[in-house]
């Protein structure tokens, strides 16, 4: 019984920390013409790479926040599966393990911004972005 009382608060504290960490991740959003991300955390230097059928590939950069992809940028639009990868820097800092002398003297930093990465896909059917569960074969 003592073990349960002692570990229960630790478990719930860990669960709260994990929930908080995942709550700040950008959420993918789409409508019929665009892909974007809602972000409650602070991201910077974000790059969104979108690739699609027929060798289509584009890079979209945002210094602050998250980039937005418009389907019109893929003109002519080809139906099929499009894949994306979002990379960015967060406001969280991580300590460098192996520092090198970069010649900056006292301005040299021992921390860097923690990187963030996520990927996914969406489907274009009949020239618009559709939810994957809405596609019906005829």
Foldseek 3Di string as FASTA:
>chain_A
DVVCVVCVVVVVVVVVVVVVVVVQDWDWDFDFWKIWTDGPFKWAFKWKWKADPPGDIDIDTGGTDIDMDTQVVRPVHDWDKMKMKMKTFGPDKDFADDDDCPPPPPPDDRIDTDMDMDMDMFTRDPRTTDHPVPDDDD
